Amino acid sequence: MKWTGRRAPAIAVTVALAVTAGYSVTRALVAVGSVPEADTRRESRGFRFDVEDATVRQVDLLESRVELTSDVLGLFGARLQVDDRTEISLNGLPARLADLPEGAQVRATYDLQDGLKVARTIIAEKPQAEPEPVPAPAARPAPAPGPAPAVRR
């Protein structure tokens, strides 16, 4: 931040008076309004998190989110926000969020931004269709009962 123009002398005087009076420099800068805005976007500091062996539980197109589960009971998982920088692939081909089917096996990476888990990559595999059970071969019909064979004596 550059302190130039008419505000520079005012800020310098305010900080000097505040420090002399026993206030901290930070408190003086807050009073003058020179502290960065709180609503500026905060990026994670290069940390990228992985989700391995997860399953797509739900895709929310209105909120641009995908909910993943990573255990049998569905207790553990992640709710990932999807933005225009998220790379999504389905069976090795580029895809959109709307293309992700529920039940797909997923690996994903995400960053933390402003308390949200923002997806960077989502690699999905369509769930394998359960093969149709093969019907058992029909049993041979039992021969119809007929007259008993004659017994020779």
Protein backbone atom coordinates (compact mmCIF):
# COMPACT_ATOMS: atom_id res chain seq x y z
CA MET A 1 0.00 0.00 0.00
CA LYS A 2 1.34 3.40 -0.93
CA TRP A 3 0.71 6.37 1.28
CA THR A 4 0.67 9.22 -1.18
CA GLY A 5 -1.39 12.33 -1.79
CA ARG A 6 -3.24 14.32 0.84
CA ARG A 7 -3.85 11.33 3.11
CA ALA A 8 -0.17 10.60 3.71
CA PRO A 9 0.49 13.51 6.11
CA ALA A 10 -2.81 12.90 7.93
CA ILE A 11 -2.03 9.22 8.38
CA ALA A 12 1.52 9.96 9.58
CA VAL A 13 0.27 12.49 12.13
CA THR A 14 -2.48 10.15 13.35
CA VAL A 15 -0.04 7.26 13.79
CA ALA A 16 2.49 9.50 15.59
CA LEU A 17 -0.15 10.85 18.00
CA ALA A 18 -1.59 7.40 18.62
CA VAL A 19 1.80 5.87 19.39
CA THR A 20 2.67 8.79 21.65
CA ALA A 21 -0.63 8.36 23.50
CA GLY A 22 0.10 4.66 24.05
CA TYR A 23 -2.03 3.12 21.30
CA SER A 24 -0.64 0.52 18.96
CA VAL A 25 0.13 1.30 15.33
CA THR A 26 -2.45 -1.25 14.23
CA ARG A 27 -5.19 0.41 16.25
CA ALA A 28 -4.20 3.79 14.79
CA LEU A 29 -4.29 2.45 11.23
CA VAL A 30 -7.71 0.91 11.84
CA ALA A 31 -8.98 4.28 13.04
CA VAL A 32 -7.71 5.96 9.86
CA GLY A 33 -9.05 3.20 7.61
CA SER A 34 -5.74 2.14 6.06
CA VAL A 35 -6.02 -1.55 6.91
CA PRO A 36 -6.82 -3.92 4.02
CA GLU A 37 -10.51 -4.69 3.55
CA ALA A 38 -11.82 -7.77 5.35
CA ASP A 39 -13.80 -8.91 2.32
CA THR A 40 -10.77 -9.38 0.09
CA ARG A 41 -10.44 -12.92 -1.20
CA ARG A 42 -8.19 -15.09 0.93
CA GLU A 43 -6.40 -17.93 -0.80
CA SER A 44 -5.04 -20.97 0.95
CA ARG A 45 -1.30 -20.71 1.20
CA GLY A 46 -0.46 -23.33 -1.37
CA PHE A 47 -1.95 -26.20 0.58
CA ARG A 48 -3.88 -28.61 -1.58
CA PHE A 49 -5.98 -31.35 -0.05
CA ASP A 50 -6.83 -34.72 -1.60
CA VAL A 51 -9.94 -36.86 -1.45
CA GLU A 52 -9.25 -40.46 -2.45
CA ASP A 53 -11.71 -43.29 -3.13
CA ALA A 54 -14.85 -41.21 -2.70
CA THR A 55 -18.31 -41.61 -4.20
CA VAL A 56 -20.55 -38.88 -5.58
CA ARG A 57 -23.52 -38.59 -3.24
CA GLN A 58 -25.17 -35.51 -4.72
CA VAL A 59 -24.57 -32.88 -7.41
CA ASP A 60 -26.12 -29.45 -6.81
CA LEU A 61 -26.11 -27.47 -10.06
CA LEU A 62 -27.78 -24.39 -8.55
CA GLU A 63 -25.09 -23.95 -5.91
CA SER A 64 -22.28 -25.42 -8.09
CA ARG A 65 -21.40 -28.00 -5.44
CA VAL A 66 -20.71 -31.71 -5.35
CA GLU A 67 -21.07 -33.77 -2.19
CA LEU A 68 -18.74 -36.75 -1.80
CA THR A 69 -18.74 -39.63 0.67
CA SER A 70 -15.67 -41.66 1.41
CA ASP A 71 -16.92 -44.48 3.63
CA VAL A 72 -19.56 -47.16 3.65
CA LEU A 73 -21.86 -45.39 6.12
CA GLY A 74 -21.61 -42.04 4.34
CA LEU A 75 -20.43 -40.20 7.46
CA PHE A 76 -17.11 -38.95 6.09
CA GLY A 77 -16.64 -36.98 2.94
CA ALA A 78 -16.54 -33.47 1.59
CA ARG A 79 -18.79 -30.83 0.10
CA LEU A 80 -16.78 -29.19 -2.67
CA GLN A 81 -17.56 -25.87 -4.34
CA VAL A 82 -16.97 -25.96 -8.10
CA ASP A 83 -15.86 -22.84 -9.96
CA ASP A 84 -14.73 -22.02 -13.49
CA ARG A 85 -11.14 -23.08 -12.70
CA THR A 86 -12.17 -26.61 -11.60
CA GLU A 87 -10.99 -29.31 -14.01
CA ILE A 88 -13.52 -32.16 -14.24
CA SER A 89 -13.00 -35.41 -16.14
CA LEU A 90 -15.29 -38.41 -16.48
CA ASN A 91 -13.76 -41.68 -17.68
CA GLY A 92 -10.69 -39.76 -18.88
CA LEU A 93 -12.65 -37.21 -20.95
CA PRO A 94 -13.32 -33.55 -20.09
CA ALA A 95 -16.73 -33.13 -18.46
CA ARG A 96 -19.01 -30.62 -16.75
CA LEU A 97 -20.50 -30.73 -13.27
CA ALA A 98 -23.84 -31.78 -14.76
CA ASP A 99 -22.18 -34.86 -16.31
CA LEU A 100 -21.19 -36.38 -12.94
CA PRO A 101 -23.56 -39.24 -12.11
CA GLU A 102 -24.45 -40.12 -8.54
CA GLY A 103 -22.50 -43.17 -7.42
CA ALA A 104 -19.44 -42.37 -9.57
CA GLN A 105 -16.04 -43.19 -8.04
CA VAL A 106 -14.07 -39.95 -7.55
CA ARG A 107 -10.61 -38.63 -6.72
CA ALA A 108 -10.49 -34.89 -6.08
CA THR A 109 -8.18 -32.11 -4.93
CA TYR A 110 -9.32 -28.88 -3.31
CA ASP A 111 -8.07 -25.65 -1.77
CA LEU A 112 -9.51 -23.73 1.17
CA GLN A 113 -10.79 -20.27 0.22
CA ASP A 114 -12.75 -18.14 2.67
CA GLY A 115 -13.74 -21.24 4.62
CA LEU A 116 -15.00 -23.12 1.53
CA LYS A 117 -13.50 -26.23 0.00
CA VAL A 118 -13.03 -25.16 -3.63
CA ALA A 119 -12.40 -28.08 -5.99
CA ARG A 120 -9.39 -27.85 -8.29
CA THR A 121 -9.63 -31.28 -9.95
CA ILE A 122 -12.34 -33.92 -9.99
CA ILE A 123 -11.50 -37.21 -11.69
CA ALA A 124 -14.53 -39.49 -11.89
CA GLU A 125 -15.23 -42.99 -13.19
CA LYS A 126 -18.81 -43.98 -14.02
CA PRO A 127 -20.15 -46.71 -11.79
CA GLN A 128 -20.01 -50.16 -13.35
CA ALA A 129 -23.46 -51.43 -14.26
CA GLU A 130 -24.31 -54.58 -12.39
CA PRO A 131 -24.39 -57.45 -14.88
CA GLU A 132 -27.79 -59.01 -15.39
CA PRO A 133 -27.98 -62.34 -13.60
CA VAL A 134 -27.92 -65.22 -16.06
CA PRO A 135 -31.03 -67.33 -15.64
CA ALA A 136 -30.38 -70.92 -14.63
CA PRO A 137 -30.87 -73.41 -17.43
CA ALA A 138 -34.33 -74.88 -17.39
CA ALA A 139 -34.44 -78.25 -15.68
CA ARG A 140 -35.41 -81.21 -17.84
CA PRO A 141 -39.01 -82.05 -17.36
CA ALA A 142 -39.56 -85.31 -15.55
CA PRO A 143 -40.88 -88.10 -17.78
CA ALA A 144 -44.61 -88.48 -17.58
CA PRO A 145 -45.67 -91.42 -15.47
CA GLY A 146 -46.88 -94.24 -17.60
CA PRO A 147 -47.67 -97.88 -17.13
CA ALA A 148 -45.13 -99.67 -15.04
CA PRO A 149 -42.86 -101.96 -17.06
CA ALA A 150 -43.80 -105.57 -16.88
CA VAL A 151 -41.58 -107.68 -14.70
CA ARG A 152 -40.72 -111.18 -16.01
CA ARG A 153 -40.51 -114.05 -13.71
